[in-house]
Every structure is written in C-alpha cells, then in structure tokens.
Amino acid sequence: MIRLLVGLGNPGPQYEATRHNAGFWWIDAAASKLGVTLQPQRSYFGLGVKATTSQGAVWLLQPMTYMNLSGKSVAALARFFKIAPNEILVVHDELDLMPGQMKIKLGGGPAGHNGLKDIQAQLGSADYWRLRLGIGHPGVKAEVIDYVLRKPPSEEREAIEQGIVRSVDALDLLLSGDMARAMMAVHTKPVRPKPVATLVPDDRPMQ
C-alpha cells in the first residue's frame, strides 16, 4: 500500500511550467481527484495534505526545498509518520521517456536525477516506488540542465498532461499497492490518431 505520494519540482512561479516540475503537475491532478488542497507544512518543508481514501489515509507532498534537497522534505514526513520507503511513490520527470510515456518501478539508481539522489540519501534506501513521467531528451547531454528548466512546447505539454490524466485514473490501484495492474494501465503507450484515408479520384472511363 502507498501511504505517501511525492511530486518533485522547484518552487516559485519561474519554474511552475518547466519540464522539471512535471511531478508537481501530477500531485496537483491527484489532489484535485481526491478533493483536497495542498497547504504549507512547515515541519515537512513543503506543501502537503492528508487525504482519506477507500484504501486508507495517504499524504500528498510537494517539497519546497528545491529539487536538489527534495529528500529533506520527504524524509521528515516519512520518519514522523513511520512510512517505509516501499510505501512511498515519487513522481518525477524522466528524460529517457518520450512525452506522454510513463513507467512505474521499484528501487534502482537515481540515473542523474538530483531529486531522487537526495531522497535516496535522506531515506537511506533506494527501495521506494517511482512513477517516471516522460519529458523527452534534448539529444545532447550538455543541454539537459537548460532543457529541463524550460517550458515544453504546447504539443509536448499536452502529451505529458494526457499521461498524467491516465496515471491519476489508476490512483486506486497505486494506493492499494496493486502495482501489476497499475503498470498495465500506466505503461500503455498513448494511442496515436490514425491518418485519415484520402480518396483518389478514379479517372478511368465508365464502362
């Protein structure tokens, strides 16, 4: 069972619409679905709220520590409420997936993501769940920092938003810990519209 949902991002209006804040977008959507509103949580260095669901109570959290210190916020809340790493789902932007694609995984390395790196260090464990929201890759490693801190074009933002809607629709499965079924729902690739067939005029004479 998941008892803590964490979305990663950076605080402040200048970062609000950037790719690195995709985790914040997801938490906002989950809070809307659960009918709750995030509030400042000074003890946990973030915006958070406790929601009551059919699967039990769950915390939603957006660390306000800036990305590189995300673990400070996550660990503070997890320790106070005795939430184990495998009861935590961290939602974050993922360079290795295209916009609209998503993957759920348990454990693993941070793969260069500074938010995940700090969470692992602060929890003392990598055994927490991750929901990876694809944002695409600029193609050149040296451009990654600027890329994640820029706003995606409208078609990419729309693809990411559609993925968020699809994964939030699987929230009950995620919270209950039914990760096998959640993966089936979340890992499905977005359906691309089929090209419209065009009729070619038939110039042959009528018989």
Protein backbone atom coordinates (compact mmCIF):
# COMPACT_ATOMS: atom_id res chain seq x y z
CA MET A 1 0.00 0.00 0.00
CA ILE A 2 1.17 3.53 -0.77
CA ARG A 3 0.92 5.99 2.13
CA LEU A 4 2.89 8.92 0.69
CA LEU A 5 2.69 10.44 -2.81
CA VAL A 6 5.53 12.83 -3.62
CA GLY A 7 5.79 15.03 -6.69
CA LEU A 8 9.16 16.59 -7.47
CA GLY A 9 9.74 20.11 -8.75
CA ASN A 10 11.06 23.54 -7.89
CA PRO A 11 9.07 26.21 -6.01
CA GLY A 12 8.32 29.61 -7.49
CA PRO A 13 6.41 30.95 -10.50
CA GLN A 14 9.54 31.00 -12.69
CA TYR A 15 9.68 27.18 -12.54
CA GLU A 16 5.97 26.40 -12.48
CA ALA A 17 5.56 25.47 -16.15
CA THR A 18 9.02 23.94 -16.72
CA ARG A 19 9.60 20.27 -17.56
CA HIS A 20 11.38 19.64 -14.23
CA ASN A 21 8.07 20.38 -12.44
CA ALA A 22 6.10 17.54 -14.03
CA GLY A 23 5.94 15.83 -10.62
CA PHE A 24 4.23 18.90 -9.17
CA TRP A 25 1.69 18.82 -12.01
CA TRP A 26 0.90 15.20 -11.15
CA ILE A 27 0.34 15.93 -7.46
CA ASP A 28 -1.95 18.83 -8.35
CA ALA A 29 -4.02 16.47 -10.51
CA ALA A 30 -4.11 13.79 -7.78
CA ALA A 31 -5.17 16.36 -5.17
CA SER A 32 -7.98 17.50 -7.46
CA LYS A 33 -9.16 13.91 -7.94
CA LEU A 34 -9.13 13.29 -4.19
CA GLY A 35 -10.87 16.61 -3.46
CA VAL A 36 -8.13 18.01 -1.23
CA THR A 37 -6.00 21.18 -1.24
CA LEU A 38 -2.29 21.33 -0.50
CA GLN A 39 -1.30 23.53 2.43
CA PRO A 40 2.09 24.74 3.76
CA GLN A 41 3.60 22.09 6.04
CA ARG A 42 6.49 23.83 7.80
CA SER A 43 7.55 20.73 9.70
CA TYR A 44 7.95 18.86 6.42
CA PHE A 45 9.41 21.70 4.31
CA GLY A 46 6.75 21.55 1.65
CA LEU A 47 3.13 21.79 0.58
CA GLY A 48 1.13 18.79 1.66
CA VAL A 49 -2.20 17.38 2.69
CA LYS A 50 -3.52 14.18 4.20
CA ALA A 51 -6.34 12.60 2.20
CA THR A 52 -8.77 9.90 3.24
CA THR A 53 -9.39 7.27 0.57
CA SER A 54 -11.10 3.88 0.38
CA GLN A 55 -7.61 2.36 0.67
CA GLY A 56 -6.84 4.36 3.83
CA ALA A 57 -5.06 7.63 4.58
CA VAL A 58 -2.43 8.96 2.18
CA TRP A 59 -0.22 12.03 2.26
CA LEU A 60 0.37 14.16 -0.84
CA LEU A 61 3.59 16.20 -0.78
CA GLN A 62 5.38 18.78 -2.93
CA PRO A 63 8.81 19.55 -1.41
CA MET A 64 9.54 23.29 -1.33
CA THR A 65 13.26 22.75 -0.77
CA TYR A 66 14.26 23.00 -4.44
CA MET A 67 14.91 19.82 -6.36
CA ASN A 68 18.41 19.06 -5.04
CA LEU A 69 17.18 18.90 -1.43
CA SER A 70 13.91 17.01 -2.01
CA GLY A 71 14.94 14.29 0.45
CA LYS A 72 14.90 16.73 3.36
CA SER A 73 11.15 17.15 2.93
CA VAL A 74 10.34 13.52 2.10
CA ALA A 75 12.37 12.05 4.95
CA ALA A 76 10.94 14.48 7.52
CA LEU A 77 7.36 13.43 6.77
CA ALA A 78 8.15 9.74 6.31
CA ARG A 79 10.01 9.48 9.61
CA PHE A 80 7.35 11.31 11.61
CA PHE A 81 4.53 9.07 10.34
CA LYS A 82 6.70 5.92 10.21
CA ILE A 83 6.20 5.46 6.47
CA ALA A 84 8.54 2.84 4.99
CA PRO A 85 10.35 3.51 1.69
CA ASN A 86 8.24 0.87 -0.13
CA GLU A 87 5.11 2.80 0.94
CA ILE A 88 6.30 5.90 -0.92
CA LEU A 89 5.62 6.75 -4.58
CA VAL A 90 7.82 9.52 -6.00
CA VAL A 91 6.59 11.09 -9.25
CA HIS A 92 9.29 12.79 -11.33
CA ASP A 93 10.27 13.92 -14.81
CA GLU A 94 12.13 11.35 -16.91
CA LEU A 95 14.47 12.24 -19.78
CA ASP A 96 14.64 8.69 -21.14
CA LEU A 97 10.92 8.52 -21.97
CA MET A 98 9.04 10.48 -24.61
CA PRO A 99 6.36 12.99 -23.53
CA GLY A 100 3.21 11.03 -22.69
CA GLN A 101 5.07 7.81 -21.84
CA MET A 102 5.29 6.65 -18.21
CA LYS A 103 6.90 3.84 -16.25
CA ILE A 104 6.47 2.56 -12.69
CA LYS A 105 9.43 0.94 -10.98
CA LEU A 106 10.61 -0.02 -7.51
CA GLY A 107 14.13 0.92 -6.47
CA GLY A 108 17.10 1.47 -8.73
CA GLY A 109 19.62 4.26 -9.03
CA PRO A 110 18.86 7.98 -9.43
CA ALA A 111 20.14 7.99 -13.05
CA GLY A 112 21.48 11.51 -12.64
CA HIS A 113 18.24 12.92 -11.20
CA ASN A 114 19.28 15.11 -8.27
CA GLY A 115 15.89 14.92 -6.58
CA LEU A 116 15.99 11.12 -6.49
CA LYS A 117 19.63 11.19 -5.40
CA ASP A 118 18.81 13.29 -2.32
CA ILE A 119 15.73 11.23 -1.44
CA GLN A 120 17.80 8.07 -1.52
CA ALA A 121 20.47 9.68 0.68
CA GLN A 122 17.97 11.05 3.21
CA LEU A 123 15.89 7.86 3.42
CA GLY A 124 18.98 5.67 3.49
CA SER A 125 17.29 3.45 0.92
CA ALA A 126 16.54 3.30 -2.80
CA ASP A 127 13.62 0.92 -2.27
CA TYR A 128 10.82 3.38 -2.90
CA TRP A 129 8.42 3.37 -5.85
CA ARG A 130 8.87 5.80 -8.74
CA LEU A 131 6.43 6.96 -11.39
CA ARG A 132 8.56 8.28 -14.25
CA LEU A 133 6.84 10.90 -16.40
CA GLY A 134 8.44 11.17 -19.83
CA ILE A 135 9.58 14.63 -20.91
CA GLY A 136 11.89 13.61 -23.78
CA HIS A 137 15.61 14.32 -24.17
CA PRO A 138 17.30 17.26 -25.90
CA GLY A 139 19.68 14.81 -27.60
CA VAL A 140 22.84 16.36 -26.18
CA LYS A 141 23.89 15.76 -22.56
CA ALA A 142 25.33 19.27 -22.19
CA GLU A 143 21.87 20.75 -22.90
CA VAL A 144 19.98 18.74 -20.27
CA ILE A 145 20.02 21.37 -17.50
CA ASP A 146 18.64 24.11 -19.73
CA TYR A 147 16.17 21.67 -21.28
CA VAL A 148 14.53 20.55 -18.02
CA LEU A 149 14.29 24.15 -16.80
CA ARG A 150 12.45 25.31 -19.94
CA LYS A 151 8.77 25.16 -20.75
CA PRO A 152 7.83 22.39 -23.19
CA PRO A 153 6.06 23.39 -26.42
CA SER A 154 2.29 23.08 -26.29
CA GLU A 155 2.09 19.68 -28.04
CA GLU A 156 4.60 18.16 -25.59
CA ARG A 157 2.85 19.68 -22.58
CA GLU A 158 -0.43 18.25 -23.85
CA ALA A 159 1.12 14.78 -24.20
CA ILE A 160 2.52 14.98 -20.65
CA GLU A 161 -0.86 16.14 -19.33
CA GLN A 162 -2.63 13.26 -21.07
CA GLY A 163 -0.20 10.85 -19.40
CA ILE A 164 -0.88 12.47 -16.04
CA VAL A 165 -4.63 12.04 -16.51
CA ARG A 166 -4.15 8.37 -17.45
CA SER A 167 -1.96 7.62 -14.43
CA VAL A 168 -4.15 9.55 -11.98
CA ASP A 169 -7.06 7.44 -13.26
CA ALA A 170 -5.07 4.46 -11.89
CA LEU A 171 -4.71 6.10 -8.47
CA ASP A 172 -6.84 3.50 -6.66
CA LEU A 173 -4.59 0.73 -7.98
CA LEU A 174 -1.45 2.63 -6.97
CA LEU A 175 -2.71 3.35 -3.46
CA SER A 176 -3.82 -0.24 -2.88
CA GLY A 177 -0.37 -1.46 -3.92
CA ASP A 178 -1.72 -3.40 -6.92
CA MET A 179 1.30 -2.38 -8.95
CA ALA A 180 0.92 -5.13 -11.56
CA ARG A 181 -2.46 -3.79 -12.67
CA ALA A 182 -1.31 -0.18 -12.26
CA MET A 183 1.60 -0.90 -14.58
CA MET A 184 -0.75 -2.34 -17.20
CA ALA A 185 -2.81 0.86 -17.09
CA VAL A 186 0.10 3.30 -16.92
CA HIS A 187 2.62 1.68 -19.26
CA THR A 188 0.19 1.64 -22.18
CA LYS A 189 1.54 3.93 -24.86
CA PRO A 190 -0.66 6.86 -25.91
CA VAL A 191 -2.82 5.99 -28.88
CA ARG A 192 -1.78 7.99 -31.91
CA PRO A 193 -4.57 9.09 -34.22
CA LYS A 194 -4.67 7.09 -37.44
CA PRO A 195 -4.11 9.06 -40.64
CA VAL A 196 -7.30 9.84 -42.47
CA ALA A 197 -7.53 7.92 -45.73
CA THR A 198 -7.92 10.13 -48.80
CA LEU A 199 -9.96 9.04 -51.77
CA VAL A 200 -8.11 9.15 -55.05
CA PRO A 201 -10.35 10.11 -57.98
CA ASP A 202 -10.77 7.30 -60.46
CA ASP A 203 -10.12 8.75 -63.92
CA ARG A 204 -10.94 5.56 -65.80
CA PRO A 205 -13.80 5.91 -68.31
CA MET A 206 -17.11 4.43 -67.25
CA GLN A 207 -17.94 1.04 -68.87
